[in-house]
Amino acid sequence: MQQLQMPLSNLQQEILKLYSRNIPEEDLLHIKKYLANYFMEKAINGADEIWETRGYTNDTMNSWLNEDKADYGK
């Protein structure tokens, strides 16, 4: 088994405390969903901030999506 190289983060410690309790599977699934949604929202908000800061638009995205298509026909 691989040995840990660094101490656990505060998040890992809290999750271990939570998972040391025996909870129903349904509750566990809800907790996993809440955690996934939390990190999804953080990622989306971070991406939105970058888009606003850099002035990206839908036209920017469409340009990115189409920039390599011309190379495929060659």
Protein backbone atom coordinates (compact mmCIF):
# COMPACT_ATOMS: atom_id res chain seq x y z
CA MET A 1 0.00 0.00 0.00
CA GLN A 2 1.26 3.49 -0.87
CA GLN A 3 2.29 5.71 2.02
CA LEU A 4 0.92 9.26 2.27
CA GLN A 5 3.49 11.90 1.35
CA MET A 6 1.82 14.81 3.16
CA PRO A 7 -0.72 15.31 5.92
CA LEU A 8 -4.39 15.25 5.05
CA SER A 9 -6.02 18.52 4.08
CA ASN A 10 -8.69 20.04 6.29
CA LEU A 11 -11.33 18.89 3.78
CA GLN A 12 -10.03 15.32 3.82
CA GLN A 13 -10.06 15.31 7.63
CA GLU A 14 -13.67 16.50 7.77
CA ILE A 15 -14.76 13.95 5.18
CA LEU A 16 -13.05 11.17 7.13
CA LYS A 17 -14.89 12.27 10.27
CA LEU A 18 -18.15 12.22 8.35
CA TYR A 19 -17.52 8.83 6.78
CA SER A 20 -16.52 7.28 10.12
CA ARG A 21 -20.22 7.39 11.00
CA ASN A 22 -22.43 4.64 9.71
CA ILE A 23 -25.10 6.44 7.69
CA PRO A 24 -27.74 5.07 5.33
CA GLU A 25 -26.69 4.62 1.70
CA GLU A 26 -29.33 7.13 0.60
CA ASP A 27 -27.77 9.82 2.82
CA LEU A 28 -24.32 8.98 1.48
CA LEU A 29 -25.54 9.46 -2.08
CA HIS A 30 -27.04 12.85 -1.17
CA ILE A 31 -23.77 13.95 0.44
CA LYS A 32 -21.81 12.91 -2.65
CA LYS A 33 -24.23 14.86 -4.84
CA TYR A 34 -23.94 17.97 -2.63
CA LEU A 35 -20.14 17.82 -2.78
CA ALA A 36 -20.16 17.36 -6.56
CA ASN A 37 -22.56 20.29 -7.00
CA TYR A 38 -20.48 22.50 -4.71
CA PHE A 39 -17.29 21.92 -6.70
CA MET A 40 -19.16 22.19 -10.00
CA GLU A 41 -20.49 25.63 -8.99
CA LYS A 42 -16.99 26.76 -7.96
CA ALA A 43 -15.59 25.67 -11.34
CA ILE A 44 -18.38 27.37 -13.28
CA ASN A 45 -18.00 30.60 -11.29
CA GLY A 46 -14.24 30.54 -11.85
CA ALA A 47 -14.69 30.02 -15.58
CA ASP A 48 -17.29 32.80 -15.74
CA GLU A 49 -14.88 35.17 -14.00
CA ILE A 50 -12.13 34.36 -16.50
CA TRP A 51 -14.51 34.89 -19.42
CA GLU A 52 -15.60 38.28 -18.08
CA THR A 53 -12.05 39.37 -17.29
CA ARG A 54 -10.77 38.43 -20.73
CA GLY A 55 -13.84 39.70 -22.58
CA TYR A 56 -14.74 36.37 -24.18
CA THR A 57 -18.08 36.09 -25.98
CA ASN A 58 -20.12 33.42 -27.75
CA ASP A 59 -18.32 34.49 -30.92
CA THR A 60 -15.01 33.67 -29.19
CA MET A 61 -16.25 30.16 -28.40
CA ASN A 62 -17.57 29.62 -31.93
CA SER A 63 -14.23 30.73 -33.32
CA TRP A 64 -12.40 28.23 -31.08
CA LEU A 65 -14.78 25.45 -32.07
CA ASN A 66 -14.21 26.07 -35.77
CA GLU A 67 -10.52 26.98 -35.90
CA ASP A 68 -9.21 23.42 -36.56
CA LYS A 69 -12.04 22.26 -38.84
CA ALA A 70 -10.39 23.71 -41.93
CA ASP A 71 -7.32 21.54 -41.28
CA TYR A 72 -9.36 18.31 -41.31
CA GLY A 73 -10.22 18.61 -44.99
CA LYS A 74 -6.57 18.81 -46.05
